[in-house]
Protein backbone atom coordinates (compact mmCIF):
# COMPACT_ATOMS: atom_id res chain seq x y z
CA UNK A 1 0.00 0.00 0.00
CA UNK A 2 1.76 3.16 -1.21
CA UNK A 3 0.71 5.86 1.26
CA UNK A 4 2.81 8.91 0.41
CA UNK A 5 1.62 11.73 2.69
CA UNK A 6 -1.31 13.29 4.54
CA UNK A 7 -3.56 14.75 1.84
CA UNK A 8 -5.85 16.72 4.17
CA UNK A 9 -7.65 16.52 7.50
CA UNK A 10 -11.38 16.93 8.13
CA UNK A 11 -13.00 18.39 11.24
CA UNK A 12 -16.62 17.74 12.13
CA UNK A 13 -17.92 20.90 13.84
CA UNK A 14 -21.19 22.32 15.05
CA UNK A 15 -20.54 25.87 13.83
CA UNK A 16 -18.57 26.12 10.58
CA UNK A 17 -18.46 29.93 10.56
CA UNK A 18 -17.06 30.17 14.09
CA UNK A 19 -14.44 27.47 13.49
CA UNK A 20 -13.39 28.94 10.12
CA UNK A 21 -13.08 32.37 11.74
CA UNK A 22 -10.93 30.91 14.53
CA UNK A 23 -8.56 29.14 12.11
CA UNK A 24 -8.33 32.06 9.69
CA UNK A 25 -8.06 34.91 12.19
CA UNK A 26 -6.01 33.10 14.80
CA UNK A 27 -3.90 30.57 12.90
CA UNK A 28 -3.46 32.25 9.50
CA UNK A 29 -5.52 29.90 7.33
CA UNK A 30 -7.37 31.21 4.30
CA UNK A 31 -10.68 30.12 2.70
CA UNK A 32 -10.16 28.10 -0.50
CA UNK A 33 -13.66 26.91 -1.37
CA UNK A 34 -16.87 25.27 -0.22
CA UNK A 35 -19.50 22.75 -1.25
CA UNK A 36 -21.87 20.05 -0.05
CA UNK A 37 -20.57 16.55 0.67
CA UNK A 38 -22.89 13.68 1.62
CA UNK A 39 -25.62 16.21 2.34
CA UNK A 40 -23.47 18.28 4.72
CA UNK A 41 -21.97 21.71 4.08
CA UNK A 42 -18.15 21.76 3.92
CA UNK A 43 -15.63 24.61 3.79
CA UNK A 44 -12.03 24.14 2.61
CA UNK A 45 -9.24 26.11 4.32
CA UNK A 46 -5.53 26.12 3.52
CA UNK A 47 -2.14 27.46 4.48
CA UNK A 48 1.19 26.40 2.98
CA UNK A 49 0.85 22.69 2.23
CA UNK A 50 -1.91 22.14 4.83
CA UNK A 51 -5.51 21.53 3.77
CA UNK A 52 -8.30 21.53 6.34
CA UNK A 53 -11.86 20.57 5.48
CA UNK A 54 -14.54 21.77 7.91
CA UNK A 55 -17.81 19.86 7.69
CA UNK A 56 -21.06 20.62 9.50
CA UNK A 57 -21.02 17.54 11.70
CA UNK A 58 -24.06 15.24 11.77
CA UNK A 59 -26.00 15.94 14.95
CA UNK A 60 -25.15 12.56 16.45
CA UNK A 61 -21.40 12.94 15.87
CA UNK A 62 -21.05 16.38 17.41
CA UNK A 63 -23.37 15.50 20.29
CA UNK A 64 -21.31 12.41 21.11
CA UNK A 65 -17.75 13.61 20.47
CA UNK A 66 -17.96 17.38 20.23
CA UNK A 67 -16.02 19.34 17.61
CA UNK A 68 -12.93 17.43 16.57
CA UNK A 69 -10.66 15.98 13.91
CA UNK A 70 -12.71 13.16 12.41
CA UNK A 71 -10.77 12.15 9.27
CA UNK A 72 -7.09 12.00 8.32
CA UNK A 73 -6.88 11.59 4.54
CA UNK A 74 -3.97 9.62 3.09
CA UNK A 75 -2.58 10.26 -0.41
CA UNK A 76 -2.07 7.16 -2.55
CA UNK A 77 -1.62 6.37 -6.25
CA UNK A 78 -4.65 4.03 -6.34
CA UNK A 79 -7.42 4.73 -3.82
CA UNK A 80 -9.62 1.82 -4.92
CA UNK A 81 -6.78 -0.69 -4.57
CA UNK A 82 -5.71 0.75 -1.21
CA UNK A 83 -9.31 0.51 0.05
CA UNK A 84 -9.67 -3.09 -1.11
CA UNK A 85 -6.34 -4.07 0.44
CA UNK A 86 -7.15 -2.34 3.75
CA UNK A 87 -10.55 -4.03 4.02
CA UNK A 88 -8.97 -7.40 3.20
CA UNK A 89 -6.48 -6.79 6.01
CA UNK A 90 -9.25 -6.11 8.53
CA UNK A 91 -10.21 -2.44 8.18
CA UNK A 92 -13.86 -1.49 8.66
CA UNK A 93 -15.30 -0.17 5.36
CA UNK A 94 -16.87 3.29 5.71
CA UNK A 95 -17.27 4.61 2.14
CA UNK A 96 -16.48 2.68 -1.07
CA UNK A 97 -14.45 4.23 -3.90
CA UNK A 98 -16.06 7.28 -5.51
CA UNK A 99 -14.78 9.50 -8.33
CA UNK A 100 -14.97 13.29 -8.33
CA UNK A 101 -14.67 14.73 -11.85
CA UNK A 102 -14.45 18.04 -13.65
CA UNK A 103 -13.05 18.32 -17.19
CA UNK A 104 -9.80 16.31 -17.22
CA UNK A 105 -9.38 16.31 -13.42
CA UNK A 106 -10.31 13.20 -11.42
CA UNK A 107 -10.00 12.59 -7.68
CA UNK A 108 -10.88 9.14 -6.31
CA UNK A 109 -11.66 8.74 -2.61
CA UNK A 110 -12.49 5.74 -0.39
CA UNK A 111 -12.74 5.59 3.40
CA UNK A 112 -12.03 3.04 6.14
CA UNK A 113 -12.30 3.22 9.91
CA UNK A 114 -9.58 3.97 12.44
CA UNK A 115 -9.47 4.10 16.25
CA UNK A 116 -12.73 5.26 17.84
CA UNK A 117 -14.62 7.67 15.59
CA UNK A 118 -11.53 8.48 13.50
CA UNK A 119 -11.58 7.46 9.83
CA UNK A 120 -8.96 7.40 7.08
CA UNK A 121 -9.79 8.54 3.56
CA UNK A 122 -7.60 7.29 0.71
CA UNK A 123 -7.15 10.02 -1.92
CA UNK A 124 -5.90 9.51 -5.48
CA UNK A 125 -5.34 12.70 -7.53
CA UNK A 126 -5.13 13.16 -11.29
CA UNK A 127 -5.25 16.75 -12.45
CA UNK A 128 -6.24 19.87 -10.52
CA UNK A 129 -8.84 20.58 -7.89
CA UNK A 130 -9.47 19.45 -4.32
CA UNK A 131 -12.70 17.54 -5.00
CA UNK A 132 -13.69 18.41 -8.60
CA UNK A 133 -17.45 18.82 -8.85
CA UNK A 134 -17.81 18.72 -5.05
CA UNK A 135 -15.88 21.69 -3.66
CA UNK A 136 -16.12 24.93 -5.63
CA UNK A 137 -12.68 26.48 -5.18
CA UNK A 138 -12.49 30.26 -4.86
CA UNK A 139 -9.03 31.12 -3.51
CA UNK A 140 -5.35 30.30 -3.12
CA UNK A 141 -3.64 29.31 0.16
CA UNK A 142 -1.98 32.21 2.00
CA UNK A 143 1.73 32.18 2.86
CA UNK A 144 1.16 32.05 6.62
CA UNK A 145 3.50 30.85 9.39
CA UNK A 146 2.43 27.18 9.16
CA UNK A 147 3.87 24.88 6.48
CA UNK A 148 2.94 21.18 6.64
CA UNK A 149 1.38 18.51 8.86
CA UNK A 150 4.21 16.97 10.88
CA UNK A 151 2.30 14.29 12.83
CA UNK A 152 -0.93 13.53 14.68
CA UNK A 153 -1.38 12.20 18.22
CA UNK A 154 -4.13 9.65 18.82
CA UNK A 155 -5.42 8.97 22.34
CA UNK A 156 -6.81 5.49 23.01
CA UNK A 157 -8.07 3.75 26.17
CA UNK A 158 -5.83 1.53 28.25
CA UNK A 159 -5.64 -1.90 26.68
CA UNK A 160 -6.06 -0.50 23.15
CA UNK A 161 -2.49 0.78 22.69
CA UNK A 162 -0.96 -2.48 21.47
CA UNK A 163 -3.94 -3.46 19.28
CA UNK A 164 -4.03 0.03 17.71
CA UNK A 165 -0.33 -0.13 16.86
CA UNK A 166 -0.83 -3.58 15.33
CA UNK A 167 -3.82 -2.25 13.35
CA UNK A 168 -1.66 0.40 11.68
CA UNK A 169 1.09 -2.13 11.07
CA UNK A 170 -1.16 -4.84 9.62
CA UNK A 171 -3.71 -2.72 7.73
CA UNK A 172 -1.64 0.23 6.48
CA UNK A 173 1.88 -1.22 6.54
CA UNK A 174 3.21 1.29 9.10
CA UNK A 175 6.15 0.46 11.37
CA UNK A 176 6.58 1.19 15.07
CA UNK A 177 9.59 3.49 15.45
CA UNK A 178 9.47 4.65 19.10
CA UNK A 179 7.91 3.92 22.50
CA UNK A 180 8.04 5.58 25.91
CA UNK A 181 6.45 5.62 29.36
CA UNK A 182 6.02 8.93 31.21
CA UNK A 183 5.16 9.24 34.90
CA UNK A 184 4.04 12.55 36.42
CA UNK A 185 3.13 12.52 40.11
CA UNK A 186 0.42 9.92 40.50
CA UNK A 187 -0.41 9.71 36.79
CA UNK A 188 1.29 7.85 33.95
CA UNK A 189 0.97 7.41 30.19
CA UNK A 190 2.34 5.03 27.57
CA UNK A 191 3.15 6.16 24.02
CA UNK A 192 4.13 4.42 20.80
CA UNK A 193 4.90 6.01 17.41
CA UNK A 194 4.02 4.43 14.05
CA UNK A 195 5.12 5.73 10.67
CA UNK A 196 4.38 5.01 7.01
CA UNK A 197 7.14 3.50 4.83
CA UNK A 198 7.39 6.88 3.07
CA UNK A 199 8.25 8.51 6.42
CA UNK A 200 5.75 11.30 5.72
CA UNK A 201 2.79 10.04 7.78
CA UNK A 202 3.39 9.68 11.51
CA UNK A 203 1.01 8.91 14.37
CA UNK A 204 1.90 9.11 18.05
CA UNK A 205 -0.49 6.82 19.93
CA UNK A 206 -0.93 7.46 23.66
CA UNK A 207 -2.89 5.72 26.42
CA UNK A 208 -3.31 6.30 30.18
CA UNK A 209 -2.16 3.85 32.84
CA UNK A 210 -5.36 2.83 34.68
CA UNK A 211 -3.44 1.72 37.78
CA UNK A 212 -2.26 5.29 38.40
CA UNK A 213 -4.27 8.40 39.25
CA UNK A 214 -6.70 9.63 36.59
CA UNK A 215 -5.12 12.36 34.44
CA UNK A 216 -5.63 14.51 31.35
CA UNK A 217 -5.73 11.54 28.96
CA UNK A 218 -8.63 10.10 30.95
CA UNK A 219 -10.31 13.52 30.70
CA UNK A 220 -9.89 13.45 26.91
CA UNK A 221 -11.36 9.96 26.59
CA UNK A 222 -14.37 10.91 28.71
CA UNK A 223 -15.02 14.23 26.93
CA UNK A 224 -14.48 12.68 23.48
CA UNK A 225 -16.49 9.58 24.38
CA UNK A 226 -13.67 7.29 23.35
CA UNK A 227 -10.54 7.26 21.24
CA UNK A 228 -9.71 10.13 18.92
CA UNK A 229 -7.14 12.63 17.72
CA UNK A 230 -5.73 14.51 20.71
CA UNK A 231 -3.56 16.93 18.75
CA UNK A 232 -2.20 17.78 15.31
CA UNK A 233 1.40 19.00 14.91
CA UNK A 234 2.02 21.68 12.26
CA UNK A 235 5.51 22.60 11.10
CA UNK A 236 6.85 26.15 10.96
CA UNK A 237 10.11 27.70 9.72
CA UNK A 238 10.56 30.10 12.65
CA UNK A 239 8.71 29.07 15.78
CA UNK A 240 9.55 32.15 17.83
CA UNK A 241 8.09 34.47 15.19
CA UNK A 242 5.11 32.14 14.60
CA UNK A 243 4.26 31.96 18.30
CA UNK A 244 4.48 35.73 18.65
CA UNK A 245 2.23 36.17 15.59
CA UNK A 246 -0.37 33.65 16.73
CA UNK A 247 -0.41 35.06 20.27
CA UNK A 248 -1.04 38.53 18.82
CA UNK A 249 -3.98 36.99 16.91
CA UNK A 250 -5.48 35.60 20.11
CA UNK A 251 -4.19 32.01 20.15
CA UNK A 252 -3.55 30.75 23.69
CA UNK A 253 -0.66 28.36 24.43
CA UNK A 254 0.05 26.07 27.37
CA UNK A 255 2.40 27.66 29.89
CA UNK A 256 5.92 26.43 30.68
CA UNK A 257 7.50 27.08 34.12
CA UNK A 258 10.73 29.09 34.36
CA UNK A 259 12.49 26.09 35.92
CA UNK A 260 12.33 24.33 32.53
CA UNK A 261 14.59 27.00 30.96
CA UNK A 262 17.07 27.05 33.84
CA UNK A 263 18.18 23.52 32.97
CA UNK A 264 18.41 23.79 29.17
CA UNK A 265 22.15 24.56 28.88
CA UNK A 266 23.20 21.82 31.30
CA UNK A 267 20.90 19.32 29.59
CA UNK A 268 21.50 20.17 25.92
CA UNK A 269 24.48 22.55 25.73
CA UNK A 270 24.40 25.23 23.03
CA UNK A 271 21.13 25.40 21.09
CA UNK A 272 20.03 27.22 17.94
CA UNK A 273 17.74 29.75 19.65
CA UNK A 274 18.48 32.15 22.54
CA UNK A 275 17.10 30.68 25.76
CA UNK A 276 15.43 33.99 26.60
CA UNK A 277 13.57 33.94 23.27
CA UNK A 278 12.28 30.46 24.08
CA UNK A 279 11.32 31.54 27.60
CA UNK A 280 9.43 34.56 26.26
CA UNK A 281 7.39 32.35 23.96
CA UNK A 282 7.03 29.37 26.31
CA UNK A 283 8.73 27.21 23.65
CA UNK A 284 10.25 23.79 24.38
CA UNK A 285 13.49 22.44 22.89
CA UNK A 286 14.93 18.94 22.51
CA UNK A 287 17.69 17.14 20.62
CA UNK A 288 18.18 13.65 19.22
CA UNK A 289 20.97 11.93 17.26
CA UNK A 290 20.06 13.80 14.08
CA UNK A 291 19.51 17.36 15.25
CA UNK A 292 17.31 19.59 17.37
CA UNK A 293 13.68 20.59 17.42
CA UNK A 294 11.48 23.25 19.01
CA UNK A 295 7.81 22.79 19.89
CA UNK A 296 4.87 24.33 21.71
CA UNK A 297 1.27 23.30 22.35
CA UNK A 298 -1.89 25.40 22.20
CA UNK A 299 -4.79 25.31 24.57
CA UNK A 300 -7.81 23.56 23.10
CA UNK A 301 -9.90 25.91 20.96
CA UNK A 302 -13.05 23.78 21.38
CA UNK A 303 -15.73 23.73 24.06
CA UNK A 304 -14.97 20.23 25.37
CA UNK A 305 -11.25 21.04 25.73
CA UNK A 306 -10.23 17.91 23.83
CA UNK A 307 -8.31 18.55 20.60
CA UNK A 308 -5.41 21.04 20.43
CA UNK A 309 -2.57 22.01 18.06
CA UNK A 310 1.21 21.69 18.29
CA UNK A 311 3.69 23.93 16.47
CA UNK A 312 7.03 22.33 15.65
CA UNK A 313 10.28 23.49 14.04
CA UNK A 314 12.81 20.81 13.12
CA UNK A 315 16.52 21.17 12.42
CA UNK A 316 17.43 17.61 11.49
CA UNK A 317 15.65 15.98 14.46
CA UNK A 318 13.59 12.95 13.52
CA UNK A 319 11.92 12.15 16.84
CA UNK A 320 9.15 13.90 18.75
CA UNK A 321 10.65 15.68 21.72
CA UNK A 322 10.62 12.73 24.11
CA UNK A 323 12.27 14.85 26.79
CA UNK A 324 9.41 17.33 26.36
CA UNK A 325 6.60 14.82 26.73
CA UNK A 326 6.94 15.24 30.47
CA UNK A 327 6.75 19.04 30.08
CA UNK A 328 3.60 18.71 27.94
CA UNK A 329 2.01 16.31 30.40
CA UNK A 330 2.82 18.66 33.30
CA UNK A 331 1.44 21.66 31.36
CA UNK A 332 -1.79 19.81 30.62
CA UNK A 333 -2.08 18.82 34.27
CA UNK A 334 -1.65 22.48 35.32
CA UNK A 335 -4.31 23.51 32.80
CA UNK A 336 -6.59 20.74 34.10
CA UNK A 337 -6.09 21.84 37.71
CA UNK A 338 -6.80 25.47 36.81
CA UNK A 339 -10.03 24.46 35.04
CA UNK A 340 -11.13 22.46 38.08
CA UNK A 341 -10.37 25.45 40.34
CA UNK A 342 -12.49 27.75 38.15
CA UNK A 343 -15.33 25.27 38.27
């Protein structure tokens, strides 16, 4: 199965206008078109190489899961063959192959199920257009601060981590490339990373440890009513400038304590950004055998406080900031505690 990259992602939302306004005003996306798909209104947004489809979620979906990332579309050279192969390997069929046509342009799509309510849409493209005859395109993507989709993080219940990893290995041909356990106070989480043979599609799969104290992953699973996409990582060329720009536009990020920055030089030595610039933006830094990376996580923009975004800048690093997973977990726990105090 030749999965090359993430073609687009689709959010199911209760209020398209409000979500589009949030992503355009806050995150720098631009409107590219709109149409009606399977009887539901959809709006296409873009920025750099990122394409986001917003669909007016069916009442049952939004009532059960809230607004969230419902579909990660995978680019392939033959969508019908990929669909047939995935179903043969055990994937749940969601939508059979369908062709979208206009003039000489043809896009073939077919969809199978993933963890929880997540689905994966195979996309085969020949010619121009996002979904010819389905989405009427009206604009070009702006040159904003965000470039590409780096990876997605999927949260699954305890006991589903291993089976979910095997599902991606057996159905899609992904390989497990990393695993880690993180303990924070009385809580703990397990994570495994799977990646497509092309190296361009990466999923971090996380699960809570039920023996330890309930934490933010348990909160996600309750609010989302099961497994789903916890966050989507978007790459940027200059994270300090991007964070400053997004903050000025109203985007809120998780906080990082000053103590984190006091230990950077002793832990990593010289890094490619001034420590004070990272401190000012609340940006995290890590290094692996191949290089360094910078990352930061937003607060959830949705009512149920489930899904959120990550910004990431890589300089050769191939991993996912394993030394920062603890910092993220601690930041989410602080945010969780603050929300409980306000309630």
